[in-house]
Amino acid sequence: MTGSTKRLRIDREMCEAHALCIEIAPEIFDLPDDDVATCDEHPPEALWSKAHSAAGACPRQAISITEDARGASPRSPKGQ
């Protein structure tokens, strides 16, 4: 697979268990007994809009979405 892959993460230090993410996307997020949300880091494509909504709703901004390049070859600086 080439291109990029999205990854969903929760900063365990920032999460305060408000659980808005779970209200928005219970298919992706969970709140175990330790009161720090967990998530499926690679949810199905159909659920990414919910993941973005949950990240935007988090009062502590503890949810992040990153894209990792896959199959990209290193580029040399321009002119070299």
PDB file of N, CA and C in Angstrom:
ATOM      1  N   MET A   1       0.841  -1.184   0.000  1.00  0.00           N
ATOM      2  CA  MET A   1       0.000   0.000   0.000  1.00  0.00           C
ATOM      3  C   MET A   1       0.880   1.238   0.000  1.00  0.00           C
ATOM      4  N   THR A   2       0.612   2.165  -0.886  1.00  0.00           N
ATOM      5  CA  THR A   2       1.364   3.411  -0.931  1.00  0.00           C
ATOM      6  C   THR A   2       0.466   4.545  -0.487  1.00  0.00           C
ATOM      7  N   GLY A   3       1.027   5.732  -0.366  1.00  0.00           N
ATOM      8  CA  GLY A   3       0.252   6.878   0.083  1.00  0.00           C
ATOM      9  C   GLY A   3       0.461   7.110   1.558  1.00  0.00           C
ATOM     10  N   SER A   4      -0.608   7.412   2.265  1.00  0.00           N
ATOM     11  CA  SER A   4      -0.479   7.665   3.697  1.00  0.00           C
ATOM     12  C   SER A   4      -1.538   6.893   4.463  1.00  0.00           C
ATOM     13  N   THR A   5      -1.281   6.732   5.732  1.00  0.00           N
ATOM     14  CA  THR A   5      -2.235   6.066   6.597  1.00  0.00           C
ATOM     15  C   THR A   5      -2.496   6.966   7.802  1.00  0.00           C
ATOM     16  N   LYS A   6      -3.740   7.089   8.168  1.00  0.00           N
ATOM     17  CA  LYS A   6      -4.111   7.929   9.308  1.00  0.00           C
ATOM     18  C   LYS A   6      -4.003   7.116  10.592  1.00  0.00           C
ATOM     19  N   ARG A   7      -3.681   7.830  11.661  1.00  0.00           N
ATOM     20  CA  ARG A   7      -3.574   7.184  12.964  1.00  0.00           C
ATOM     21  C   ARG A   7      -4.240   8.067  14.010  1.00  0.00           C
ATOM     22  N   LEU A   8      -5.056   7.468  14.816  1.00  0.00           N
ATOM     23  CA  LEU A   8      -5.784   8.157  15.876  1.00  0.00           C
ATOM     24  C   LEU A   8      -5.085   7.864  17.195  1.00  0.00           C
ATOM     25  N   ARG A   9      -4.857   8.908  17.992  1.00  0.00           N
ATOM     26  CA  ARG A   9      -4.165   8.713  19.266  1.00  0.00           C
ATOM     27  C   ARG A   9      -4.826   9.530  20.359  1.00  0.00           C
ATOM     28  N   ILE A  10      -4.698   9.056  21.577  1.00  0.00           N
ATOM     29  CA  ILE A  10      -5.169   9.772  22.755  1.00  0.00           C
ATOM     30  C   ILE A  10      -3.985  10.012  23.668  1.00  0.00           C
ATOM     31  N   ASP A  11      -3.795  11.262  24.060  1.00  0.00           N
ATOM     32  CA  ASP A  11      -2.742  11.604  25.013  1.00  0.00           C
ATOM     33  C   ASP A  11      -3.260  11.246  26.408  1.00  0.00           C
ATOM     34  N   ARG A  12      -2.715  10.205  26.981  1.00  0.00           N
ATOM     35  CA  ARG A  12      -3.183   9.713  28.283  1.00  0.00           C
ATOM     36  C   ARG A  12      -2.970  10.727  29.403  1.00  0.00           C
ATOM     37  N   GLU A  13      -2.005  11.591  29.263  1.00  0.00           N
ATOM     38  CA  GLU A  13      -1.753  12.617  30.280  1.00  0.00           C
ATOM     39  C   GLU A  13      -2.803  13.727  30.232  1.00  0.00           C
ATOM     40  N   MET A  14      -3.352  13.975  29.060  1.00  0.00           N
ATOM     41  CA  MET A  14      -4.311  15.067  28.892  1.00  0.00           C
ATOM     42  C   MET A  14      -5.761  14.643  29.083  1.00  0.00           C
ATOM     43  N   CYS A  15      -6.063  13.376  28.832  1.00  0.00           N
ATOM     44  CA  CYS A  15      -7.445  12.898  28.910  1.00  0.00           C
ATOM     45  C   CYS A  15      -7.977  13.025  30.339  1.00  0.00           C
ATOM     46  N   GLU A  16      -9.149  13.658  30.455  1.00  0.00           N
ATOM     47  CA  GLU A  16      -9.806  13.818  31.755  1.00  0.00           C
ATOM     48  C   GLU A  16     -11.135  13.064  31.820  1.00  0.00           C
ATOM     49  N   ALA A  17     -11.354  12.144  30.913  1.00  0.00           N
ATOM     50  CA  ALA A  17     -12.521  11.262  30.904  1.00  0.00           C
ATOM     51  C   ALA A  17     -13.851  12.001  30.812  1.00  0.00           C
ATOM     52  N   HIS A  18     -13.895  13.069  30.018  1.00  0.00           N
ATOM     53  CA  HIS A  18     -15.172  13.758  29.788  1.00  0.00           C
ATOM     54  C   HIS A  18     -16.124  12.878  28.982  1.00  0.00           C
ATOM     55  N   ALA A  19     -15.570  11.953  28.209  1.00  0.00           N
ATOM     56  CA  ALA A  19     -16.300  10.936  27.444  1.00  0.00           C
ATOM     57  C   ALA A  19     -17.125  11.480  26.277  1.00  0.00           C
ATOM     58  N   LEU A  20     -16.851  12.691  25.825  1.00  0.00           N
ATOM     59  CA  LEU A  20     -17.548  13.201  24.640  1.00  0.00           C
ATOM     60  C   LEU A  20     -17.199  12.368  23.412  1.00  0.00           C
ATOM     61  N   CYS A  21     -15.970  11.890  23.350  1.00  0.00           N
ATOM     62  CA  CYS A  21     -15.555  11.052  22.220  1.00  0.00           C
ATOM     63  C   CYS A  21     -16.402   9.782  22.149  1.00  0.00           C
ATOM     64  N   ILE A  22     -16.722   9.227  23.301  1.00  0.00           N
ATOM     65  CA  ILE A  22     -17.518   8.000  23.345  1.00  0.00           C
ATOM     66  C   ILE A  22     -18.957   8.284  22.929  1.00  0.00           C
ATOM     67  N   GLU A  23     -19.469   9.444  23.300  1.00  0.00           N
ATOM     68  CA  GLU A  23     -20.818   9.813  22.866  1.00  0.00           C
ATOM     69  C   GLU A  23     -20.882   9.976  21.351  1.00  0.00           C
ATOM     70  N   ILE A  24     -19.833  10.523  20.767  1.00  0.00           N
ATOM     71  CA  ILE A  24     -19.798  10.777  19.327  1.00  0.00           C
ATOM     72  C   ILE A  24     -19.491   9.516  18.528  1.00  0.00           C
ATOM     73  N   ALA A  25     -18.547   8.716  19.017  1.00  0.00           N
ATOM     74  CA  ALA A  25     -18.100   7.548  18.248  1.00  0.00           C
ATOM     75  C   ALA A  25     -17.830   6.344  19.154  1.00  0.00           C
ATOM     76  N   PRO A  26     -18.886   5.743  19.690  1.00  0.00           N
ATOM     77  CA  PRO A  26     -18.674   4.586  20.575  1.00  0.00           C
ATOM     78  C   PRO A  26     -18.055   3.386  19.856  1.00  0.00           C
ATOM     79  N   GLU A  27     -18.104   3.395  18.522  1.00  0.00           N
ATOM     80  CA  GLU A  27     -17.484   2.317  17.744  1.00  0.00           C
ATOM     81  C   GLU A  27     -15.958   2.412  17.778  1.00  0.00           C
ATOM     82  N   ILE A  28     -15.437   3.595  18.100  1.00  0.00           N
ATOM     83  CA  ILE A  28     -13.996   3.834  18.055  1.00  0.00           C
ATOM     84  C   ILE A  28     -13.401   3.957  19.460  1.00  0.00           C
ATOM     85  N   PHE A  29     -14.118   4.625  20.365  1.00  0.00           N
ATOM     86  CA  PHE A  29     -13.576   4.973  21.679  1.00  0.00           C
ATOM     87  C   PHE A  29     -14.201   4.141  22.794  1.00  0.00           C
ATOM     88  N   ASP A  30     -13.442   3.995  23.881  1.00  0.00           N
ATOM     89  CA  ASP A  30     -13.914   3.271  25.060  1.00  0.00           C
ATOM     90  C   ASP A  30     -13.337   3.966  26.291  1.00  0.00           C
ATOM     91  N   LEU A  31     -13.966   3.762  27.421  1.00  0.00           N
ATOM     92  CA  LEU A  31     -13.492   4.338  28.675  1.00  0.00           C
ATOM     93  C   LEU A  31     -13.386   3.219  29.708  1.00  0.00           C
ATOM     94  N   PRO A  32     -12.203   2.603  29.811  1.00  0.00           N
ATOM     95  CA  PRO A  32     -12.027   1.517  30.771  1.00  0.00           C
ATOM     96  C   PRO A  32     -12.071   2.028  32.221  1.00  0.00           C
ATOM     97  N   ASP A  33     -11.893   1.124  33.134  1.00  0.00           N
ATOM     98  CA  ASP A  33     -11.985   1.436  34.556  1.00  0.00           C
ATOM     99  C   ASP A  33     -10.992   2.486  35.045  1.00  0.00           C
ATOM    100  N   ASP A  34      -9.882   2.698  34.330  1.00  0.00           N
ATOM    101  CA  ASP A  34      -8.890   3.673  34.798  1.00  0.00           C
ATOM    102  C   ASP A  34      -9.246   5.113  34.407  1.00  0.00           C
ATOM    103  N   ASP A  35     -10.421   5.312  33.805  1.00  0.00           N
ATOM    104  CA  ASP A  35     -10.921   6.644  33.435  1.00  0.00           C
ATOM    105  C   ASP A  35     -10.011   7.411  32.475  1.00  0.00           C
ATOM    106  N   VAL A  36      -9.343   6.706  31.603  1.00  0.00           N
ATOM    107  CA  VAL A  36      -8.589   7.311  30.504  1.00  0.00           C
ATOM    108  C   VAL A  36      -9.088   6.641  29.235  1.00  0.00           C
ATOM    109  N   ALA A  37      -9.572   7.441  28.304  1.00  0.00           N
ATOM    110  CA  ALA A  37     -10.137   6.895  27.078  1.00  0.00           C
ATOM    111  C   ALA A  37      -9.101   6.109  26.277  1.00  0.00           C
ATOM    112  N   THR A  38      -9.587   5.109  25.581  1.00  0.00           N
ATOM    113  CA  THR A  38      -8.774   4.343  24.647  1.00  0.00           C
ATOM    114  C   THR A  38      -9.459   4.406  23.290  1.00  0.00           C
ATOM    115  N   CYS A  39      -8.735   4.028  22.241  1.00  0.00           N
ATOM    116  CA  CYS A  39      -9.335   4.088  20.908  1.00  0.00           C
ATOM    117  C   CYS A  39      -8.729   3.048  19.985  1.00  0.00           C
ATOM    118  N   ASP A  40      -9.440   2.800  18.914  1.00  0.00           N
ATOM    119  CA  ASP A  40      -8.929   2.008  17.805  1.00  0.00           C
ATOM    120  C   ASP A  40      -8.064   2.974  16.995  1.00  0.00           C
ATOM    121  N   GLU A  41      -6.762   2.775  16.967  1.00  0.00           N
ATOM    122  CA  GLU A  41      -5.861   3.711  16.289  1.00  0.00           C
ATOM    123  C   GLU A  41      -6.052   3.744  14.783  1.00  0.00           C
ATOM    124  N   HIS A  42      -6.622   2.697  14.228  1.00  0.00           N
ATOM    125  CA  HIS A  42      -6.826   2.609  12.777  1.00  0.00           C
ATOM    126  C   HIS A  42      -8.259   2.164  12.492  1.00  0.00           C
ATOM    127  N   PRO A  43      -9.237   3.030  12.770  1.00  0.00           N
ATOM    128  CA  PRO A  43     -10.631   2.635  12.512  1.00  0.00           C
ATOM    129  C   PRO A  43     -10.906   2.514  11.015  1.00  0.00           C
ATOM    130  N   PRO A  44     -11.994   1.846  10.659  1.00  0.00           N
ATOM    131  CA  PRO A  44     -12.362   1.737   9.242  1.00  0.00           C
ATOM    132  C   PRO A  44     -12.578   3.126   8.620  1.00  0.00           C
ATOM    133  N   GLU A  45     -12.348   3.215   7.347  1.00  0.00           N
ATOM    134  CA  GLU A  45     -12.473   4.485   6.614  1.00  0.00           C
ATOM    135  C   GLU A  45     -13.828   5.148   6.848  1.00  0.00           C
ATOM    136  N   ALA A  46     -14.874   4.380   6.940  1.00  0.00           N
ATOM    137  CA  ALA A  46     -16.221   4.924   7.111  1.00  0.00           C
ATOM    138  C   ALA A  46     -16.409   5.645   8.446  1.00  0.00           C
ATOM    139  N   LEU A  47     -15.515   5.415   9.410  1.00  0.00           N
ATOM    140  CA  LEU A  47     -15.659   6.031  10.733  1.00  0.00           C
ATOM    141  C   LEU A  47     -14.753   7.249  10.959  1.00  0.00           C
ATOM    142  N   TRP A  48     -13.940   7.594   9.962  1.00  0.00           N
ATOM    143  CA  TRP A  48     -13.004   8.706  10.164  1.00  0.00           C
ATOM    144  C   TRP A  48     -13.706  10.044  10.364  1.00  0.00           C
ATOM    145  N   SER A  49     -14.859  10.261   9.776  1.00  0.00           N
ATOM    146  CA  SER A  49     -15.558  11.534  10.009  1.00  0.00           C
ATOM    147  C   SER A  49     -15.964  11.642  11.476  1.00  0.00           C
ATOM    148  N   LYS A  50     -16.373  10.529  12.082  1.00  0.00           N
ATOM    149  CA  LYS A  50     -16.688  10.528  13.511  1.00  0.00           C
ATOM    150  C   LYS A  50     -15.426  10.751  14.347  1.00  0.00           C
ATOM    151  N   ALA A  51     -14.322  10.178  13.924  1.00  0.00           N
ATOM    152  CA  ALA A  51     -13.057  10.372  14.644  1.00  0.00           C
ATOM    153  C   ALA A  51     -12.665  11.848  14.645  1.00  0.00           C
ATOM    154  N   HIS A  52     -12.820  12.509  13.492  1.00  0.00           N
ATOM    155  CA  HIS A  52     -12.515  13.944  13.407  1.00  0.00           C
ATOM    156  C   HIS A  52     -13.458  14.757  14.294  1.00  0.00           C
ATOM    157  N   SER A  53     -14.721  14.394  14.315  1.00  0.00           N
ATOM    158  CA  SER A  53     -15.693  15.090  15.174  1.00  0.00           C
ATOM    159  C   SER A  53     -15.339  14.924  16.649  1.00  0.00           C
ATOM    160  N   ALA A  54     -14.962  13.723  17.033  1.00  0.00           N
ATOM    161  CA  ALA A  54     -14.588  13.463  18.424  1.00  0.00           C
ATOM    162  C   ALA A  54     -13.335  14.246  18.811  1.00  0.00           C
ATOM    163  N   ALA A  55     -12.361  14.299  17.911  1.00  0.00           N
ATOM    164  CA  ALA A  55     -11.139  15.060  18.194  1.00  0.00           C
ATOM    165  C   ALA A  55     -11.467  16.539  18.386  1.00  0.00           C
ATOM    166  N   GLY A  56     -12.354  17.065  17.567  1.00  0.00           N
ATOM    167  CA  GLY A  56     -12.737  18.466  17.681  1.00  0.00           C
ATOM    168  C   GLY A  56     -13.553  18.771  18.923  1.00  0.00           C
ATOM    169  N   ALA A  57     -14.263  17.771  19.437  1.00  0.00           N
ATOM    170  CA  ALA A  57     -15.117  17.976  20.605  1.00  0.00           C
ATOM    171  C   ALA A  57     -14.377  17.806  21.931  1.00  0.00           C
ATOM    172  N   CYS A  58     -13.213  17.220  21.914  1.00  0.00           N
ATOM    173  CA  CYS A  58     -12.480  16.956  23.154  1.00  0.00           C
ATOM    174  C   CYS A  58     -12.094  18.269  23.835  1.00  0.00           C
ATOM    175  N   PRO A  59     -12.597  18.507  25.049  1.00  0.00           N
ATOM    176  CA  PRO A  59     -12.306  19.770  25.724  1.00  0.00           C
ATOM    177  C   PRO A  59     -10.828  19.948  26.079  1.00  0.00           C
ATOM    178  N   ARG A  60     -10.088  18.860  26.186  1.00  0.00           N
ATOM    179  CA  ARG A  60      -8.659  18.936  26.523  1.00  0.00           C
ATOM    180  C   ARG A  60      -7.772  18.775  25.294  1.00  0.00           C
ATOM    181  N   GLN A  61      -8.367  18.598  24.140  1.00  0.00           N
ATOM    182  CA  GLN A  61      -7.622  18.364  22.899  1.00  0.00           C
ATOM    183  C   GLN A  61      -6.639  17.203  23.052  1.00  0.00           C
ATOM    184  N   ALA A  62      -7.116  16.156  23.719  1.00  0.00           N
ATOM    185  CA  ALA A  62      -6.282  14.982  23.977  1.00  0.00           C
ATOM    186  C   ALA A  62      -6.264  14.002  22.812  1.00  0.00           C
ATOM    187  N   ILE A  63      -7.126  14.216  21.819  1.00  0.00           N
ATOM    188  CA  ILE A  63      -7.219  13.307  20.679  1.00  0.00           C
ATOM    189  C   ILE A  63      -6.527  13.944  19.479  1.00  0.00           C
ATOM    190  N   SER A  64      -5.647  13.175  18.857  1.00  0.00           N
ATOM    191  CA  SER A  64      -4.964  13.693  17.671  1.00  0.00           C
ATOM    192  C   SER A  64      -5.065  12.684  16.531  1.00  0.00           C
ATOM    193  N   ILE A  65      -5.013  13.229  15.327  1.00  0.00           N
ATOM    194  CA  ILE A  65      -5.030  12.411  14.118  1.00  0.00           C
ATOM    195  C   ILE A  65      -3.794  12.797  13.320  1.00  0.00           C
ATOM    196  N   THR A  66      -2.982  11.799  13.012  1.00  0.00           N
ATOM    197  CA  THR A  66      -1.772  12.053  12.242  1.00  0.00           C
ATOM    198  C   THR A  66      -1.803  11.220  10.972  1.00  0.00           C
ATOM    199  N   GLU A  67      -1.002  11.624  10.016  1.00  0.00           N
ATOM    200  CA  GLU A  67      -0.844  10.862   8.782  1.00  0.00           C
ATOM    201  C   GLU A  67       0.615  10.497   8.641  1.00  0.00           C
ATOM    202  N   ASP A  68       0.864   9.223   8.440  1.00  0.00           N
ATOM    203  CA  ASP A  68       2.214   8.723   8.236  1.00  0.00           C
ATOM    204  C   ASP A  68       2.379   8.392   6.762  1.00  0.00           C
ATOM    205  N   ALA A  69       3.431   8.903   6.161  1.00  0.00           N
ATOM    206  CA  ALA A  69       3.703   8.588   4.760  1.00  0.00           C
ATOM    207  C   ALA A  69       4.167   7.148   4.656  1.00  0.00           C
ATOM    208  N   ARG A  70       3.661   6.454   3.665  1.00  0.00           N
ATOM    209  CA  ARG A  70       4.066   5.070   3.409  1.00  0.00           C
ATOM    210  C   ARG A  70       4.573   4.960   1.993  1.00  0.00           C
ATOM    211  N   GLY A  71       5.640   4.265   1.854  1.00  0.00           N
ATOM    212  CA  GLY A  71       6.155   3.998   0.523  1.00  0.00           C
ATOM    213  C   GLY A  71       6.794   5.218  -0.124  1.00  0.00           C
ATOM    214  N   ALA A  72       6.991   6.274   0.637  1.00  0.00           N
ATOM    215  CA  ALA A  72       7.616   7.467   0.074  1.00  0.00           C
ATOM    216  C   ALA A  72       9.123   7.306   0.095  1.00  0.00           C
ATOM    217  N   SER A  73       9.755   7.708  -0.966  1.00  0.00           N
ATOM    218  CA  SER A  73      11.205   7.641  -0.990  1.00  0.00           C
ATOM    219  C   SER A  73      11.769   8.975  -0.517  1.00  0.00           C
ATOM    220  N   PRO A  74      12.920   8.944   0.158  1.00  0.00           N
ATOM    221  CA  PRO A  74      13.496  10.203   0.630  1.00  0.00           C
ATOM    222  C   PRO A  74      13.808  11.121  -0.532  1.00  0.00           C
ATOM    223  N   ARG A  75      13.583  12.391  -0.324  1.00  0.00           N
ATOM    224  CA  ARG A  75      13.863  13.371  -1.375  1.00  0.00           C
ATOM    225  C   ARG A  75      15.117  14.135  -1.021  1.00  0.00           C
ATOM    226  N   SER A  76      15.912  14.413  -2.029  1.00  0.00           N
ATOM    227  CA  SER A  76      17.099  15.215  -1.804  1.00  0.00           C
ATOM    228  C   SER A  76      16.722  16.687  -1.927  1.00  0.00           C
ATOM    229  N   PRO A  77      17.478  17.555  -1.267  1.00  0.00           N
ATOM    230  CA  PRO A  77      17.180  18.972  -1.363  1.00  0.00           C
ATOM    231  C   PRO A  77      17.192  19.451  -2.810  1.00  0.00           C
ATOM    232  N   LYS A  78      16.399  20.442  -3.098  1.00  0.00           N
ATOM    233  CA  LYS A  78      16.276  20.966  -4.465  1.00  0.00           C
ATOM    234  C   LYS A  78      17.644  21.357  -5.006  1.00  0.00           C
ATOM    235  N   GLY A  79      17.891  20.935  -6.240  1.00  0.00           N
ATOM    236  CA  GLY A  79      19.144  21.297  -6.910  1.00  0.00           C
ATOM    237  C   GLY A  79      20.282  20.328  -6.629  1.00  0.00           C
ATOM    238  N   GLN A  80      20.044  19.283  -5.878  1.00  0.00           N
ATOM    239  CA  GLN A  80      21.133  18.333  -5.599  1.00  0.00           C
ATOM    240  C   GLN A  80      20.857  17.008  -6.229  1.00  0.00           C
TER     241      GLN A  80
END
